[in-house]
């Protein structure tokens, strides 16, 4: 019995120790697992803490560092100009090279050609799709569109095709679009000048040692804008087919504004063959009409044949010359002074004076002034006046501006000499150039007398240009109504003005092509409200010039202290 109990005790004891071992072992495993879990948490915490620390340090460094985040300087260093900038007289950019792209296609990378062509057609409906499809089928790399803008690039990019490639290149951008189209010209895709200033100064604009120095022009962007706007308004007001204007400094030949309409956007490369888009100021060839009477009067005065008060008596209503009959547009008094012949714009009176001057003196004057030669200016787009043959009646017709052709540029330059003391200037578009020696073509006394008469053309009751009499600017000038050479149906109404006439600083030439009477336009003509009785320059070109001077006068006065500080001389009426 005792033995059995002992056995049972041993059995129980053995069971007790076994259970204790299992429990203690499980506890150890739990502790070990917990420790491993804690280690992982610490490791993850350390990892995230390290990331936060790194980013914090980087943010602090970037915020304190003065270096440009976008690294514009590095980008500028990589961008090497191929052409110099072109700027106006005030440093405003007119032309500059920028980075842009051509869009090209690698057909080998296009998986679904049919789907690709559909997407192209939807986004770029103006592309030549027959040609594009043919080139894709030929599996040859090709350019689908040259010189794309940012919007076009984004549209190509949005197609999501690997086969579309963008080729970077330098493009010439013109900040004013149409405004300087007849002056600046264009470059081709290889950055070679093909017209205008871009062509004339092509080598100069690509000189490596001058790339950081812009080519500075005499033009003023603000004045160019105002004159361009007024000319556009004039075309609409008088239903004209074209127009032109030229503003020049009479003393040094600086061209401040040159506008020819219609113009075109030089950022868009197209072949323009329509003659209406020529530069009317430098390339247009015209018979400029009555503005030549100023030269006739100047010659008569300069050769001491007459003075301003000399009376030409018994002027006939008409003069017969060969088979031609020369008359005046309206009736004038029989007796006219030399001054009145110009103020009233008498054709017959001018013929009488020309005969006094004689053919040889007039011919020498024309040669000396180079009126019938190609104009001198920094453009290749210049016209060649008609060869002048001194046959019968040529002297008579030239005296009032018929039978002789020239460009508006040459006529304006000669007009500047008429009022600047007699010095013949060379027009120029380039600022800070070396100015050539000026040849004297008339005396200072003759020039002074002409300024008085030209002022009266605008200010007197018998003058033909009173609509240009803008308060404070003492405008003088001469009207002209003539024809375009080679096209007798092409009517040209012109007005060439000077201001201020007491001490001339500027000359402004305004031309309208085929203007018509505006029956709804009411003029303030010497304090009287009236409509235009004639389709002459006095009722359109003069009106436009007056509007221009009224708007550009304050800008010129601000930019020119000498002009601002001039005092009015009382002898100028």
Protein backbone atom coordinates (compact mmCIF):
# COMPACT_ATOMS: atom_id res chain seq x y z
CA UNK A 1 0.00 0.00 0.00
CA UNK A 2 2.82 2.35 0.90
CA UNK A 3 4.69 1.47 -2.20
CA UNK A 4 1.74 2.37 -4.31
CA UNK A 5 1.43 5.76 -2.69
CA UNK A 6 5.05 6.51 -3.26
CA UNK A 7 4.72 5.59 -6.84
CA UNK A 8 1.81 7.91 -7.20
CA UNK A 9 3.75 10.68 -5.53
CA UNK A 10 6.62 10.21 -7.91
CA UNK A 11 4.23 10.23 -10.76
CA UNK A 12 2.68 13.44 -9.57
CA UNK A 13 6.07 14.95 -8.99
CA UNK A 14 7.20 14.12 -12.45
CA UNK A 15 4.07 15.70 -13.91
CA UNK A 16 4.64 18.86 -11.83
CA UNK A 17 8.17 19.46 -13.01
CA UNK A 18 7.22 18.93 -16.67
CA UNK A 19 4.46 21.52 -16.54
CA UNK A 20 6.72 24.10 -14.91
CA UNK A 21 9.32 23.71 -17.63
CA UNK A 22 6.81 24.35 -20.43
CA UNK A 23 5.44 27.46 -18.77
CA UNK A 24 8.83 29.00 -18.17
CA UNK A 25 9.92 28.20 -21.71
CA UNK A 26 6.87 29.92 -23.21
CA UNK A 27 7.52 33.00 -21.12
CA UNK A 28 11.06 33.22 -22.45
CA UNK A 29 9.83 32.99 -26.04
CA UNK A 30 7.28 35.72 -25.45
CA UNK A 31 9.90 37.99 -23.97
CA UNK A 32 12.22 37.30 -26.88
CA UNK A 33 9.48 38.09 -29.45
CA UNK A 34 8.63 41.28 -27.61
CA UNK A 35 12.25 42.34 -27.61
CA UNK A 36 12.50 41.66 -31.36
CA UNK A 37 9.36 43.74 -31.97
CA UNK A 38 10.82 46.60 -29.93
CA UNK A 39 14.03 46.42 -31.92
CA UNK A 40 12.09 46.74 -35.16
CA UNK A 41 10.14 49.70 -33.85
CA UNK A 42 13.36 51.41 -32.81
CA UNK A 43 14.87 50.64 -36.21
CA UNK A 44 11.88 52.06 -38.08
CA UNK A 45 11.82 55.11 -35.80
CA UNK A 46 15.52 55.68 -36.43
CA UNK A 47 14.99 55.29 -40.17
CA UNK A 48 12.13 57.81 -40.36
CA UNK A 49 13.91 60.14 -37.97
CA UNK A 50 16.96 60.07 -40.23
CA UNK A 51 14.81 60.87 -43.30
CA UNK A 52 13.13 63.79 -41.53
CA UNK A 53 16.51 65.06 -40.38
CA UNK A 54 18.00 64.84 -43.87
CA UNK A 55 15.05 66.67 -45.46
CA UNK A 56 15.10 69.30 -42.70
CA UNK A 57 18.78 69.94 -43.25
CA UNK A 58 18.26 70.14 -47.03
CA UNK A 59 15.33 72.54 -46.70
CA UNK A 60 17.30 74.73 -44.31
CA UNK A 61 20.30 74.71 -46.66
CA UNK A 62 18.23 75.61 -49.71
CA UNK A 63 16.37 78.37 -47.90
CA UNK A 64 19.59 79.97 -46.66
CA UNK A 65 21.57 79.50 -49.88
CA UNK A 66 21.49 82.48 -52.28
CA UNK A 67 22.01 80.31 -55.33
CA UNK A 68 19.24 80.48 -57.95
CA UNK A 69 17.00 77.42 -57.47
CA UNK A 70 16.11 77.34 -61.14
CA UNK A 71 19.73 77.85 -62.20
CA UNK A 72 18.95 80.52 -64.77
CA UNK A 73 22.62 81.48 -64.99
CA UNK A 74 23.59 77.98 -66.00
CA UNK A 75 20.85 78.01 -68.62
CA UNK A 76 22.11 81.33 -69.96
CA UNK A 77 25.62 79.97 -70.20
CA UNK A 78 24.39 77.03 -72.26
CA UNK A 79 22.41 79.37 -74.58
CA UNK A 80 24.90 80.91 -77.00
CA UNK A 81 23.43 83.62 -79.19
CA UNK A 82 23.79 83.26 -82.95
CA UNK A 83 22.67 86.84 -83.68
CA UNK A 84 22.73 90.14 -81.82
CA UNK A 85 19.60 91.80 -80.49
CA UNK A 86 18.12 94.73 -82.38
CA UNK A 87 16.74 97.55 -80.21
CA UNK A 88 15.15 100.96 -80.81
CA UNK A 89 16.64 104.32 -79.80
CA UNK A 90 15.36 103.82 -76.23
CA UNK A 91 16.73 100.28 -75.83
CA UNK A 92 13.37 98.55 -76.38
CA UNK A 93 13.90 95.11 -77.94
CA UNK A 94 12.67 94.75 -81.52
CA UNK A 95 14.39 91.51 -82.53
CA UNK A 96 15.96 88.72 -80.44
CA UNK A 97 17.01 85.08 -80.76
CA UNK A 98 15.19 82.57 -78.53
CA UNK A 99 15.23 78.80 -78.11
CA UNK A 100 12.35 77.04 -79.84
CA UNK A 101 11.59 73.73 -81.59
CA UNK A 102 10.76 71.97 -84.82
CA UNK A 103 8.29 69.08 -84.51
CA UNK A 104 9.50 65.89 -86.23
CA UNK A 105 8.18 62.34 -86.60
CA UNK A 106 10.04 59.02 -86.45
CA UNK A 107 7.55 56.59 -88.10
CA UNK A 108 9.39 53.55 -86.75
CA UNK A 109 8.25 54.42 -83.21
CA UNK A 110 4.56 54.78 -84.08
CA UNK A 111 2.58 51.62 -83.27
CA UNK A 112 -0.89 52.55 -84.49
CA UNK A 113 -0.44 54.78 -87.55
CA UNK A 114 -4.16 55.03 -88.29
CA UNK A 115 -4.99 56.21 -84.78
CA UNK A 116 -2.03 58.61 -84.86
CA UNK A 117 -3.23 60.24 -88.09
CA UNK A 118 -6.74 60.67 -86.65
CA UNK A 119 -5.34 62.44 -83.60
CA UNK A 120 -3.14 64.63 -85.79
CA UNK A 121 -6.08 65.62 -87.97
CA UNK A 122 -8.18 66.57 -84.95
CA UNK A 123 -5.46 68.71 -83.37
CA UNK A 124 -3.76 70.11 -86.49
CA UNK A 125 -6.39 70.31 -89.27
CA UNK A 126 -4.20 72.56 -91.46
CA UNK A 127 -1.39 70.03 -91.94
CA UNK A 128 -0.95 68.45 -95.42
CA UNK A 129 -2.17 64.99 -94.39
CA UNK A 130 -1.68 63.26 -97.72
CA UNK A 131 1.99 64.19 -97.62
CA UNK A 132 2.28 63.29 -93.92
CA UNK A 133 0.68 59.89 -94.45
CA UNK A 134 2.97 59.16 -97.38
CA UNK A 135 6.07 60.07 -95.35
CA UNK A 136 4.91 57.92 -92.42
CA UNK A 137 4.42 54.94 -94.74
CA UNK A 138 7.91 55.45 -96.14
CA UNK A 139 9.20 55.08 -92.55
CA UNK A 140 11.65 57.93 -92.92
CA UNK A 141 12.30 60.53 -90.23
CA UNK A 142 10.85 63.92 -91.24
CA UNK A 143 9.83 67.32 -89.87
CA UNK A 144 6.08 67.71 -89.68
CA UNK A 145 6.03 71.38 -88.59
CA UNK A 146 8.82 73.92 -88.35
CA UNK A 147 9.22 76.56 -85.70
CA UNK A 148 6.34 75.60 -83.43
CA UNK A 149 5.19 77.82 -80.58
CA UNK A 150 4.64 76.69 -76.99
CA UNK A 151 0.93 75.99 -77.51
CA UNK A 152 1.66 73.81 -80.53
CA UNK A 153 4.40 71.98 -78.64
CA UNK A 154 2.01 71.16 -75.80
CA UNK A 155 -0.59 69.90 -78.29
CA UNK A 156 1.97 67.60 -79.92
CA UNK A 157 3.12 66.45 -76.48
CA UNK A 158 -0.45 65.69 -75.42
CA UNK A 159 -0.82 63.19 -78.27
CA UNK A 160 1.30 60.83 -76.18
CA UNK A 161 3.24 59.37 -79.11
CA UNK A 162 6.88 58.29 -78.79
CA UNK A 163 7.32 58.92 -82.49
CA UNK A 164 7.01 62.70 -82.05
CA UNK A 165 10.38 64.38 -81.55
CA UNK A 166 11.22 68.00 -80.74
CA UNK A 167 14.33 69.44 -82.37
CA UNK A 168 15.67 72.49 -80.50
CA UNK A 169 17.00 75.45 -82.50
CA UNK A 170 17.36 79.22 -82.24
CA UNK A 171 14.56 81.24 -83.79
CA UNK A 172 14.40 84.98 -84.42
CA UNK A 173 11.46 86.55 -82.62
CA UNK A 174 10.09 90.01 -83.41
CA UNK A 175 8.45 91.54 -80.36
CA UNK A 176 6.23 93.98 -82.28
CA UNK A 177 4.93 91.64 -84.99
CA UNK A 178 3.69 93.89 -87.82
CA UNK A 179 4.97 97.22 -86.52
CA UNK A 180 8.44 97.19 -88.10
CA UNK A 181 7.85 94.65 -90.86
CA UNK A 182 9.14 96.86 -93.71
CA UNK A 183 12.28 97.83 -91.82
CA UNK A 184 13.56 94.89 -89.76
CA UNK A 185 12.92 92.15 -92.33
CA UNK A 186 13.41 88.46 -91.55
CA UNK A 187 15.95 85.64 -91.23
CA UNK A 188 15.71 82.12 -92.63
CA UNK A 189 15.70 78.91 -90.55
CA UNK A 190 19.51 78.93 -90.51
CA UNK A 191 19.62 82.45 -89.04
CA UNK A 192 20.77 84.19 -92.21
CA UNK A 193 19.16 87.56 -92.96
CA UNK A 194 16.92 87.51 -96.01
CA UNK A 195 15.42 91.02 -95.98
CA UNK A 196 15.46 94.42 -94.28
CA UNK A 197 17.94 95.34 -91.55
CA UNK A 198 18.47 91.63 -90.88
CA UNK A 199 19.92 91.19 -94.37
CA UNK A 200 21.77 94.49 -94.67
CA UNK A 201 23.64 93.93 -91.39
CA UNK A 202 23.76 90.13 -91.56
CA UNK A 203 27.53 89.86 -90.99
CA UNK A 204 27.52 92.54 -88.30
CA UNK A 205 24.69 90.84 -86.42
CA UNK A 206 26.59 87.52 -86.34
CA UNK A 207 30.00 88.83 -85.21
CA UNK A 208 31.02 86.80 -82.13
CA UNK A 209 32.82 89.69 -80.44
CA UNK A 210 29.68 91.87 -80.68
CA UNK A 211 27.00 89.32 -79.70
CA UNK A 212 26.39 90.97 -76.33
CA UNK A 213 26.05 94.45 -77.89
CA UNK A 214 22.65 95.12 -79.49
CA UNK A 215 22.34 96.93 -82.79
CA UNK A 216 20.69 100.23 -81.86
CA UNK A 217 18.35 101.85 -84.36
CA UNK A 218 17.10 105.44 -84.65
CA UNK A 219 13.48 104.28 -84.50
CA UNK A 220 11.16 105.05 -81.60
CA UNK A 221 8.70 102.21 -80.88
CA UNK A 222 6.16 104.48 -79.18
CA UNK A 223 6.05 106.98 -82.04
CA UNK A 224 6.01 104.17 -84.60
CA UNK A 225 2.95 102.74 -82.85
CA UNK A 226 1.10 106.09 -82.83
CA UNK A 227 1.82 106.85 -86.49
CA UNK A 228 0.94 103.31 -87.54
CA UNK A 229 -2.38 103.56 -85.69
CA UNK A 230 -3.25 106.94 -87.23
CA UNK A 231 -2.43 105.65 -90.72
CA UNK A 232 -4.68 102.63 -90.22
CA UNK A 233 -7.47 104.96 -89.11
CA UNK A 234 -6.84 107.10 -92.20
CA UNK A 235 -7.15 104.11 -94.54
CA UNK A 236 -10.50 103.30 -92.97
CA UNK A 237 -11.69 106.92 -92.87
CA UNK A 238 -10.85 107.69 -96.50
CA UNK A 239 -11.25 104.16 -97.90
CA UNK A 240 -7.65 104.23 -99.17
CA UNK A 241 -5.83 101.21 -100.59
CA UNK A 242 -2.57 101.97 -98.81
CA UNK A 243 -0.61 104.58 -96.90
CA UNK A 244 2.86 105.57 -95.77
CA UNK A 245 4.56 107.92 -93.34
CA UNK A 246 8.11 108.97 -92.55
CA UNK A 247 9.32 111.02 -89.58
CA UNK A 248 12.90 112.27 -89.76
CA UNK A 249 15.24 114.53 -87.84
CA UNK A 250 16.04 117.37 -90.27
CA UNK A 251 19.52 117.97 -88.85
CA UNK A 252 21.09 114.51 -88.70
CA UNK A 253 18.85 112.28 -90.85
CA UNK A 254 17.72 110.00 -88.01
CA UNK A 255 14.59 108.13 -89.10
CA UNK A 256 12.37 108.08 -86.03
CA UNK A 257 9.45 106.35 -87.70
CA UNK A 258 8.86 104.63 -91.04
CA UNK A 259 5.46 103.08 -91.73
CA UNK A 260 4.12 101.49 -94.90
CA UNK A 261 0.64 99.97 -95.05
CA UNK A 262 -0.48 97.32 -95.54
CA UNK A 263 2.16 95.56 -93.47
CA UNK A 264 2.60 91.94 -92.36
CA UNK A 265 3.63 89.87 -89.34
CA UNK A 266 7.33 89.05 -89.67
CA UNK A 267 7.04 86.27 -87.07
CA UNK A 268 5.12 84.28 -89.70
CA UNK A 269 7.27 83.06 -92.57
CA UNK A 270 5.32 83.39 -95.83
CA UNK A 271 6.18 84.34 -99.39
CA UNK A 272 4.68 87.76 -100.11
CA UNK A 273 4.47 88.58 -103.81
CA UNK A 274 1.61 91.11 -103.83
CA UNK A 275 3.04 94.53 -104.75
CA UNK A 276 0.75 96.29 -102.31
CA UNK A 277 3.08 95.06 -99.54
CA UNK A 278 6.19 96.86 -100.83
CA UNK A 279 7.91 99.44 -98.68
CA UNK A 280 6.19 102.53 -100.10
CA UNK A 281 8.65 104.91 -98.46
CA UNK A 282 11.93 103.46 -99.75
CA UNK A 283 10.89 101.33 -102.73
CA UNK A 284 7.76 103.07 -104.03
CA UNK A 285 8.38 105.30 -107.07
CA UNK A 286 6.00 108.24 -107.44
CA UNK A 287 5.40 111.57 -109.13
CA UNK A 288 4.95 113.54 -105.92
CA UNK A 289 3.32 116.60 -107.43
CA UNK A 290 3.16 120.02 -105.84
CA UNK A 291 5.76 119.47 -103.13
CA UNK A 292 8.27 120.10 -105.98
CA UNK A 293 7.06 123.68 -106.13
CA UNK A 294 9.07 124.25 -102.96
CA UNK A 295 12.25 123.32 -104.85
CA UNK A 296 11.31 125.63 -107.71
CA UNK A 297 10.82 128.56 -105.34
CA UNK A 298 14.08 127.70 -103.54
CA UNK A 299 16.07 127.79 -106.80
CA UNK A 300 14.52 131.09 -107.88
CA UNK A 301 15.34 132.67 -104.49
CA UNK A 302 18.82 131.12 -104.23
CA UNK A 303 19.89 132.43 -107.66
CA UNK A 304 18.60 135.90 -106.70
CA UNK A 305 16.15 135.90 -109.60
CA UNK A 306 13.38 137.06 -107.27
CA UNK A 307 12.68 137.67 -103.61
CA UNK A 308 9.66 136.59 -101.60
CA UNK A 309 7.79 139.83 -102.25
CA UNK A 310 8.41 139.95 -106.01
CA UNK A 311 5.08 140.16 -107.87
CA UNK A 312 4.51 138.09 -110.99
CA UNK A 313 1.94 140.07 -112.93
CA UNK A 314 -0.73 138.93 -115.36
CA UNK A 315 -0.41 135.23 -114.71
CA UNK A 316 -2.47 133.48 -117.41
CA UNK A 317 -5.09 130.85 -116.58
CA UNK A 318 -3.24 128.32 -118.69
CA UNK A 319 0.07 127.78 -120.47
CA UNK A 320 0.40 125.72 -123.64
CA UNK A 321 3.42 123.45 -123.82
CA UNK A 322 3.61 121.35 -126.97
CA UNK A 323 0.35 119.42 -127.05
CA UNK A 324 -0.15 119.80 -123.31
CA UNK A 325 -2.14 122.47 -121.47
CA UNK A 326 -0.99 123.45 -117.97
CA UNK A 327 -3.66 124.98 -115.71
CA UNK A 328 -4.43 125.50 -112.05
CA UNK A 329 -6.98 123.46 -110.12
CA UNK A 330 -8.76 126.60 -108.98
CA UNK A 331 -8.75 130.22 -109.97
CA UNK A 332 -6.11 132.53 -108.46
CA UNK A 333 -5.59 136.30 -108.69
CA UNK A 334 -3.79 137.45 -111.84
CA UNK A 335 -0.95 138.97 -109.82
CA UNK A 336 0.81 136.75 -107.29
CA UNK A 337 3.92 137.26 -105.19
CA UNK A 338 6.57 134.51 -105.09
CA UNK A 339 5.36 133.67 -101.61
CA UNK A 340 1.75 133.40 -102.79
CA UNK A 341 2.64 131.07 -105.66
CA UNK A 342 3.73 128.49 -103.09
CA UNK A 343 1.04 129.27 -100.51
CA UNK A 344 -1.78 129.01 -103.07
CA UNK A 345 0.02 126.19 -104.97
CA UNK A 346 -0.14 127.69 -108.46
CA UNK A 347 1.01 125.38 -111.28
CA UNK A 348 1.14 128.21 -113.82
CA UNK A 349 3.11 130.44 -111.46
CA UNK A 350 5.65 127.64 -110.89
CA UNK A 351 6.10 127.19 -114.66
CA UNK A 352 6.84 130.89 -115.07
CA UNK A 353 9.49 130.70 -112.34
CA UNK A 354 11.06 127.55 -113.85
CA UNK A 355 11.51 129.36 -117.13
CA UNK A 356 13.31 132.14 -115.27
CA UNK A 357 15.58 129.56 -113.63
CA UNK A 358 16.35 127.76 -116.86
CA UNK A 359 16.88 124.13 -117.77
CA UNK A 360 20.60 123.99 -116.94
CA UNK A 361 20.27 125.31 -113.39
CA UNK A 362 17.34 123.02 -112.65
CA UNK A 363 19.16 120.01 -114.13
CA UNK A 364 22.26 120.75 -112.02
CA UNK A 365 20.07 120.98 -108.93
CA UNK A 366 18.45 117.57 -109.62
CA UNK A 367 21.87 115.96 -110.11
CA UNK A 368 23.29 117.55 -106.98
CA UNK A 369 20.44 116.29 -104.83
CA UNK A 370 20.47 112.71 -106.24
CA UNK A 371 16.67 112.79 -106.49
CA UNK A 372 16.68 110.44 -109.45
CA UNK A 373 19.25 108.00 -108.02
CA UNK A 374 18.68 105.03 -105.71
CA UNK A 375 18.08 106.29 -102.16
CA UNK A 376 20.85 105.83 -99.63
CA UNK A 377 19.67 103.88 -96.57
CA UNK A 378 20.52 100.69 -94.67
CA UNK A 379 18.02 98.59 -96.62
CA UNK A 380 18.23 96.69 -99.90
CA UNK A 381 14.52 97.27 -100.58
CA UNK A 382 14.93 100.58 -102.43
CA UNK A 383 13.38 101.85 -105.62
CA UNK A 384 15.09 103.14 -108.75
CA UNK A 385 13.54 106.38 -110.03
CA UNK A 386 12.69 106.63 -113.72
CA UNK A 387 15.52 107.80 -115.93
CA UNK A 388 15.01 111.54 -116.42
CA UNK A 389 15.17 112.75 -120.01
CA UNK A 390 15.20 116.52 -120.48
CA UNK A 391 12.98 116.58 -123.54
CA UNK A 392 10.43 119.19 -124.53
CA UNK A 393 8.20 120.46 -121.66
CA UNK A 394 10.22 118.56 -119.03
CA UNK A 395 11.33 121.75 -117.28
CA UNK A 396 7.76 123.05 -117.16
CA UNK A 397 6.24 119.85 -115.73
CA UNK A 398 9.04 119.26 -113.22
CA UNK A 399 8.44 122.73 -111.79
CA UNK A 400 5.18 121.50 -110.25
CA UNK A 401 6.20 117.86 -109.66
CA UNK A 402 5.11 115.98 -112.78
CA UNK A 403 7.31 114.14 -115.26
CA UNK A 404 9.85 113.28 -112.56
CA UNK A 405 9.79 110.33 -110.19
CA UNK A 406 11.48 109.72 -106.87
CA UNK A 407 10.93 107.91 -103.59
CA UNK A 408 9.26 109.50 -100.55
CA UNK A 409 12.52 108.92 -98.66
CA UNK A 410 14.55 111.06 -101.06
CA UNK A 411 11.91 113.78 -101.24
CA UNK A 412 11.75 113.98 -97.43
CA UNK A 413 15.54 114.16 -97.12
CA UNK A 414 15.64 116.99 -99.65
CA UNK A 415 12.85 118.77 -97.80
CA UNK A 416 14.92 118.56 -94.63
CA UNK A 417 17.72 120.39 -96.45
CA UNK A 418 15.26 123.08 -97.55
CA UNK A 419 14.62 124.02 -93.92
CA UNK A 420 17.78 123.08 -91.95
CA UNK A 421 19.97 125.77 -93.45
CA UNK A 422 20.52 124.13 -96.81
CA UNK A 423 22.56 121.08 -95.72
CA UNK A 424 21.80 117.86 -97.60
CA UNK A 425 21.50 114.99 -95.12
CA UNK A 426 21.71 111.22 -95.53
CA UNK A 427 18.74 109.39 -93.97
CA UNK A 428 19.71 106.57 -91.62
CA UNK A 429 18.17 103.86 -89.43
CA UNK A 430 21.29 103.30 -87.27
CA UNK A 431 21.88 105.24 -84.07
CA UNK A 432 25.30 106.52 -82.98
CA UNK A 433 26.80 106.21 -86.46
CA UNK A 434 29.48 108.36 -88.02
CA UNK A 435 27.61 111.18 -89.78
CA UNK A 436 28.97 112.12 -93.17
CA UNK A 437 29.86 115.67 -94.13
CA UNK A 438 26.80 117.58 -95.33
CA UNK A 439 26.79 119.20 -98.75
CA UNK A 440 25.27 122.65 -99.08
CA UNK A 441 22.59 122.93 -101.76
CA UNK A 442 20.95 126.28 -100.86
CA UNK A 443 21.97 129.20 -98.66
CA UNK A 444 20.89 129.68 -95.07
CA UNK A 445 19.04 132.84 -96.12
CA UNK A 446 17.02 130.93 -98.72
CA UNK A 447 16.29 128.22 -96.16
CA UNK A 448 15.11 130.85 -93.69
CA UNK A 449 12.78 132.40 -96.28
CA UNK A 450 11.33 129.00 -97.18
CA UNK A 451 10.49 128.26 -93.54
CA UNK A 452 8.46 131.48 -93.40
CA UNK A 453 6.54 130.60 -96.56
CA UNK A 454 5.90 126.97 -95.56
CA UNK A 455 4.49 128.16 -92.26
CA UNK A 456 2.04 130.38 -94.16
CA UNK A 457 0.92 127.41 -96.29
CA UNK A 458 -0.52 126.07 -93.03
CA UNK A 459 -1.43 129.22 -91.13
CA UNK A 460 -2.73 131.70 -93.73
CA UNK A 461 -6.30 131.81 -95.02
CA UNK A 462 -5.15 131.15 -98.59
CA UNK A 463 -2.94 128.18 -97.66
CA UNK A 464 -3.74 124.62 -98.70
CA UNK A 465 -2.81 122.92 -95.41
CA UNK A 466 -4.66 124.65 -92.61
CA UNK A 467 -6.00 121.34 -91.19
CA UNK A 468 -2.45 120.59 -89.99
CA UNK A 469 -2.23 123.77 -87.91
CA UNK A 470 -1.78 122.11 -84.51
CA UNK A 471 -1.56 124.53 -81.59
CA UNK A 472 1.92 124.94 -80.13
CA UNK A 473 3.89 123.16 -82.86
CA UNK A 474 4.06 125.87 -85.57
CA UNK A 475 3.67 123.41 -88.39
CA UNK A 476 4.72 124.35 -91.92
CA UNK A 477 4.59 122.26 -95.06
CA UNK A 478 3.42 121.64 -98.60
CA UNK A 479 0.68 119.53 -100.12
CA UNK A 480 0.98 117.35 -103.22
CA UNK A 481 -1.48 115.43 -105.37
CA UNK A 482 0.02 113.16 -108.00
CA UNK A 483 0.20 109.67 -109.48
CA UNK A 484 2.16 106.47 -109.04
CA UNK A 485 4.68 105.96 -111.81
CA UNK A 486 3.51 103.32 -114.31
CA UNK A 487 -0.07 103.37 -113.03
CA UNK A 488 -1.99 106.53 -113.84
CA UNK A 489 -5.03 105.20 -111.98
CA UNK A 490 -3.07 105.06 -108.73
CA UNK A 491 -3.69 108.46 -107.09
CA UNK A 492 -1.21 109.67 -104.47
CA UNK A 493 -2.14 112.42 -101.99
CA UNK A 494 0.80 113.69 -99.94
CA UNK A 495 1.69 116.26 -97.34
CA UNK A 496 5.23 116.94 -96.19
CA UNK A 497 5.48 119.03 -93.03
CA UNK A 498 8.12 120.61 -90.82
CA UNK A 499 7.84 121.54 -87.16
CA UNK A 500 8.44 123.76 -85.33
CA UNK A 501 8.87 126.00 -88.36
CA UNK A 502 10.74 128.75 -86.49
CA UNK A 503 13.57 126.32 -85.75
CA UNK A 504 12.83 123.06 -87.57
CA UNK A 505 13.65 119.81 -85.84
CA UNK A 506 11.42 117.29 -87.63
CA UNK A 507 9.93 116.66 -91.03
CA UNK A 508 6.91 114.39 -91.44
CA UNK A 509 5.85 112.90 -94.77
CA UNK A 510 2.32 111.46 -95.05
CA UNK A 511 0.96 109.69 -98.10
CA UNK A 512 -2.45 108.17 -98.88
CA UNK A 513 -2.99 105.87 -101.84
CA UNK A 514 -6.28 106.23 -103.72
CA UNK A 515 -8.20 108.01 -100.94
CA UNK A 516 -11.86 108.90 -101.39
CA UNK A 517 -14.00 111.71 -100.00
CA UNK A 518 -15.60 110.79 -96.70
CA UNK A 519 -19.08 112.25 -97.03
CA UNK A 520 -19.78 111.80 -93.31
CA UNK A 521 -16.62 113.48 -92.02
CA UNK A 522 -17.14 116.99 -90.64
CA UNK A 523 -14.01 119.20 -90.55
CA UNK A 524 -13.30 122.14 -88.30
CA UNK A 525 -11.95 124.32 -91.10
CA UNK A 526 -10.73 127.65 -89.69
CA UNK A 527 -13.50 127.60 -87.09
CA UNK A 528 -16.23 126.56 -89.54
CA UNK A 529 -17.82 123.11 -89.62
CA UNK A 530 -17.75 121.81 -93.19
CA UNK A 531 -17.45 118.75 -95.41
CA UNK A 532 -14.65 118.10 -97.92
CA UNK A 533 -15.31 119.83 -101.25
CA UNK A 534 -12.41 118.10 -103.06
CA UNK A 535 -10.50 114.82 -102.94
CA UNK A 536 -7.13 116.56 -102.59
CA UNK A 537 -4.34 116.16 -100.06
CA UNK A 538 -5.47 119.30 -98.23
CA UNK A 539 -8.61 117.39 -97.20
CA UNK A 540 -7.09 114.03 -96.26
CA UNK A 541 -3.28 113.75 -96.04
CA UNK A 542 -3.07 117.12 -94.24
CA UNK A 543 -5.88 116.12 -91.88
CA UNK A 544 -4.03 112.88 -91.01
CA UNK A 545 -0.70 114.66 -90.49
CA UNK A 546 -2.36 117.09 -88.08
CA UNK A 547 -3.72 114.17 -86.03
CA UNK A 548 -0.27 112.60 -85.92
CA UNK A 549 1.59 115.74 -84.86
CA UNK A 550 -0.98 116.36 -82.14
CA UNK A 551 -0.19 112.93 -80.63
CA UNK A 552 3.54 112.53 -81.25
CA UNK A 553 4.40 116.16 -80.40
CA UNK A 554 4.34 115.63 -76.61
CA UNK A 555 6.50 112.48 -76.90
CA UNK A 556 9.06 114.30 -79.03
CA UNK A 557 9.05 117.28 -76.69
CA UNK A 558 9.74 115.06 -73.67
CA UNK A 559 12.58 113.29 -75.47
CA UNK A 560 14.12 116.48 -76.80
CA UNK A 561 14.94 119.32 -74.41
CA UNK A 562 16.05 121.55 -77.27
CA UNK A 563 12.61 121.20 -78.85
CA UNK A 564 10.88 121.85 -75.52
CA UNK A 565 12.83 124.99 -74.72
CA UNK A 566 12.46 126.70 -78.09
CA UNK A 567 10.86 130.11 -78.01
CA UNK A 568 8.35 131.29 -80.54
CA UNK A 569 9.65 133.89 -82.97
CA UNK A 570 6.91 136.46 -83.52
CA UNK A 571 7.67 136.97 -87.19
CA UNK A 572 6.28 133.49 -87.86
CA UNK A 573 2.56 134.04 -88.36
